[in-house]
Protein backbone atom coordinates (compact mmCIF):
# COMPACT_ATOMS: atom_id res chain seq x y z
CA UNK A 1 -204.06 143.38 22.23
CA UNK A 2 -200.86 143.44 24.68
CA UNK A 3 -197.98 142.27 23.18
CA UNK A 4 -194.91 141.98 25.76
CA UNK A 5 -190.99 142.66 23.06
CA UNK A 6 -188.35 141.32 24.67
CA UNK A 7 -185.80 144.21 24.42
CA UNK A 8 -182.14 145.06 25.39
CA UNK A 9 -181.30 148.21 25.95
CA UNK A 10 -179.18 149.15 22.91
CA UNK A 11 -181.64 147.92 20.86
CA UNK A 12 -184.19 150.50 22.70
CA UNK A 13 -182.01 152.72 21.84
CA UNK A 14 -182.25 151.74 18.39
CA UNK A 15 -186.15 151.71 18.56
CA UNK A 16 -185.75 155.21 20.50
CA UNK A 17 -183.60 156.88 17.53
CA UNK A 18 -186.07 155.35 14.67
CA UNK A 19 -189.27 156.07 16.33
CA UNK A 20 -190.16 152.35 15.78
CA UNK A 21 -189.90 148.99 16.76
CA UNK A 22 -188.78 146.76 14.29
CA UNK A 23 -187.02 145.10 11.83
CA UNK A 24 -190.08 142.45 11.28
CA UNK A 25 -190.79 140.21 12.06
CA UNK A 26 -190.74 140.29 15.86
CA UNK A 27 -191.57 137.55 18.14
CA UNK A 28 -193.40 138.67 21.15
CA UNK A 29 -195.72 137.25 23.82
CA UNK A 30 -199.07 137.85 24.40
CA UNK A 31 -202.60 136.71 26.17
CA UNK A 32 -203.21 133.80 23.01
CA UNK A 33 -206.24 131.61 23.15
CA UNK A 34 -203.88 129.12 23.80
CA UNK A 35 -201.87 130.61 26.72
CA UNK A 36 -205.97 131.10 27.98
CA UNK A 37 -207.03 127.77 27.42
CA UNK A 38 -203.46 126.86 29.08
CA UNK A 39 -204.27 128.60 32.45
CA UNK A 40 -208.07 127.71 32.31
CA UNK A 41 -207.93 129.55 35.92
CA UNK A 42 -206.08 132.72 35.41
CA UNK A 43 -207.47 135.72 35.09
CA UNK A 44 -206.13 138.14 32.50
CA UNK A 45 -203.87 140.04 35.06
CA UNK A 46 -202.34 136.48 35.67
CA UNK A 47 -202.33 136.04 32.26
CA UNK A 48 -200.41 138.68 31.02
CA UNK A 49 -197.91 138.43 34.05
CA UNK A 50 -196.94 134.82 32.08
CA UNK A 51 -196.67 136.66 28.99
CA UNK A 52 -194.47 139.42 30.71
CA UNK A 53 -192.44 136.71 32.37
CA UNK A 54 -192.05 134.75 28.77
CA UNK A 55 -190.50 137.79 27.20
CA UNK A 56 -188.27 138.37 29.67
CA UNK A 57 -186.96 135.12 29.46
CA UNK A 58 -186.54 135.46 25.62
CA UNK A 59 -184.80 139.37 26.77
CA UNK A 60 -181.92 136.90 29.03
CA UNK A 61 -181.05 135.24 25.67
CA UNK A 62 -181.02 138.32 23.31
CA UNK A 63 -178.24 139.43 26.26
CA UNK A 64 -176.40 136.18 26.13
CA UNK A 65 -176.03 136.51 22.20
CA UNK A 66 -175.23 140.03 22.23
CA UNK A 67 -172.42 139.15 24.94
CA UNK A 68 -171.71 136.01 22.81
CA UNK A 69 -170.98 138.32 19.75
CA UNK A 70 -168.95 140.40 21.53
CA UNK A 71 -171.44 143.35 21.90
CA UNK A 72 -171.00 144.79 25.02
CA UNK A 73 -174.12 145.59 26.50
CA UNK A 74 -175.95 146.49 30.22
CA UNK A 75 -177.24 143.09 31.74
CA UNK A 76 -180.48 144.72 32.25
CA UNK A 77 -183.61 142.60 30.69
CA UNK A 78 -186.34 144.83 29.26
CA UNK A 79 -189.60 144.21 28.22
CA UNK A 80 -191.28 146.17 25.94
CA UNK A 81 -195.25 146.46 25.92
CA UNK A 82 -197.24 147.91 23.19
CA UNK A 83 -200.41 147.64 21.69
CA UNK A 84 -200.84 146.26 18.84
CA UNK A 85 -203.53 145.10 16.03
CA UNK A 86 -204.17 141.08 16.61
CA UNK A 87 -200.66 139.49 16.11
CA UNK A 88 -200.22 135.85 14.19
CA UNK A 89 -199.93 133.28 17.06
CA UNK A 90 -196.81 131.00 17.11
CA UNK A 91 -198.62 127.60 18.41
CA UNK A 92 -196.83 125.09 19.99
CA UNK A 93 -196.97 122.31 23.04
CA UNK A 94 -195.13 124.28 25.90
CA UNK A 95 -195.74 127.10 27.68
CA UNK A 96 -193.51 129.78 25.99
CA UNK A 97 -195.15 128.80 22.43
CA UNK A 98 -198.14 128.71 23.75
CA UNK A 99 -198.00 132.91 24.87
CA UNK A 100 -195.66 133.31 21.46
CA UNK A 101 -197.00 135.82 18.48
CA UNK A 102 -195.18 137.02 15.46
CA UNK A 103 -195.71 140.67 14.47
CA UNK A 104 -195.15 141.24 10.89
CA UNK A 105 -194.86 145.33 11.08
CA UNK A 106 -192.71 147.44 12.83
CA UNK A 107 -194.55 148.92 15.92
CA UNK A 108 -194.27 152.49 15.82
CA UNK A 109 -193.20 154.39 19.22
CA UNK A 110 -196.58 155.72 19.58
CA UNK A 111 -198.06 152.05 20.59
CA UNK A 112 -195.51 151.41 23.57
CA UNK A 113 -197.39 151.97 26.37
CA UNK A 114 -194.43 150.93 29.20
CA UNK A 115 -191.27 149.42 29.55
CA UNK A 116 -190.12 146.91 31.87
CA UNK A 117 -186.71 146.84 33.21
CA UNK A 118 -184.87 145.48 35.73
CA UNK A 119 -183.62 147.21 38.57
CA UNK A 120 -179.86 147.95 39.03
CA UNK A 121 -179.90 145.71 42.07
CA UNK A 122 -180.59 142.83 39.28
CA UNK A 123 -177.61 143.55 37.02
CA UNK A 124 -174.76 140.94 39.13
CA UNK A 125 -177.68 138.06 39.30
CA UNK A 126 -178.51 138.57 35.42
CA UNK A 127 -174.81 138.51 34.69
CA UNK A 128 -175.31 134.87 36.39
CA UNK A 129 -177.88 134.20 35.02
CA UNK A 130 -176.29 134.89 31.22
CA UNK A 131 -173.00 133.11 32.21
CA UNK A 132 -175.03 130.12 33.31
CA UNK A 133 -177.30 129.65 30.43
CA UNK A 134 -175.07 127.35 28.23
CA UNK A 135 -174.94 125.31 31.41
CA UNK A 136 -178.62 125.19 31.56
CA UNK A 137 -179.40 124.73 28.04
CA UNK A 138 -177.20 121.06 28.66
CA UNK A 139 -179.77 120.44 31.22
CA UNK A 140 -177.22 121.30 34.63
CA UNK A 141 -179.54 121.53 37.52
CA UNK A 142 -177.42 124.05 38.91
CA UNK A 143 -176.89 126.17 36.21
CA UNK A 144 -180.46 126.16 35.82
CA UNK A 145 -180.97 127.15 39.35
CA UNK A 146 -179.24 129.91 38.30
CA UNK A 147 -181.16 131.25 35.15
CA UNK A 148 -184.25 130.61 37.25
CA UNK A 149 -182.67 133.09 40.21
CA UNK A 150 -182.95 135.82 37.60
CA UNK A 151 -186.97 135.78 37.39
CA UNK A 152 -186.79 136.36 41.36
CA UNK A 153 -186.13 140.01 40.45
CA UNK A 154 -189.72 141.63 39.35
CA UNK A 155 -188.93 144.16 36.23
CA UNK A 156 -189.14 147.79 37.11
CA UNK A 157 -192.13 149.78 34.90
CA UNK A 158 -191.81 153.07 33.27
CA UNK A 159 -193.70 155.20 31.55
CA UNK A 160 -192.66 155.59 27.90
CA UNK A 161 -191.97 159.68 28.90
CA UNK A 162 -188.95 158.01 30.72
CA UNK A 163 -187.35 156.09 27.73
CA UNK A 164 -184.63 158.89 27.47
CA UNK A 165 -184.30 158.86 31.52
CA UNK A 166 -183.43 155.13 30.81
CA UNK A 167 -180.85 155.16 27.78
CA UNK A 168 -179.12 158.13 29.54
CA UNK A 169 -178.72 156.97 32.93
């Protein structure tokens, strides 16, 4: 099953060095039965895009958490797409919960199919979204608009052989 794992560039560098994504448990997003039922009219490609988008949202929150902890991290959302055995669905009522899955074993880099990452042109909007996230969570509509603006940027697709170049640049 294809699973989309939220990540950051520093976390991707650690995974590249270790040869696997971890530590476990890992939270990812996938086309689960609950998501398929929720989007009764969507095809597999559309549903995978939903899972990818949810992982990108989680990546934005990872970036915000790192910055809140004083970690200097590039403001680029990262999502790792991997092929794994059936993960455990989280379940839940909202869309995010319907796509969320839990992985209980590290993911070897050999199982990674691709990496999706923000283009450098998106950095200013991602930084603005990170700054607006606390107010958006409190219900501020303007802040929510800024956070949603990050999603206007499509993540770029990179093959696994390009990971060293991504980390070097």
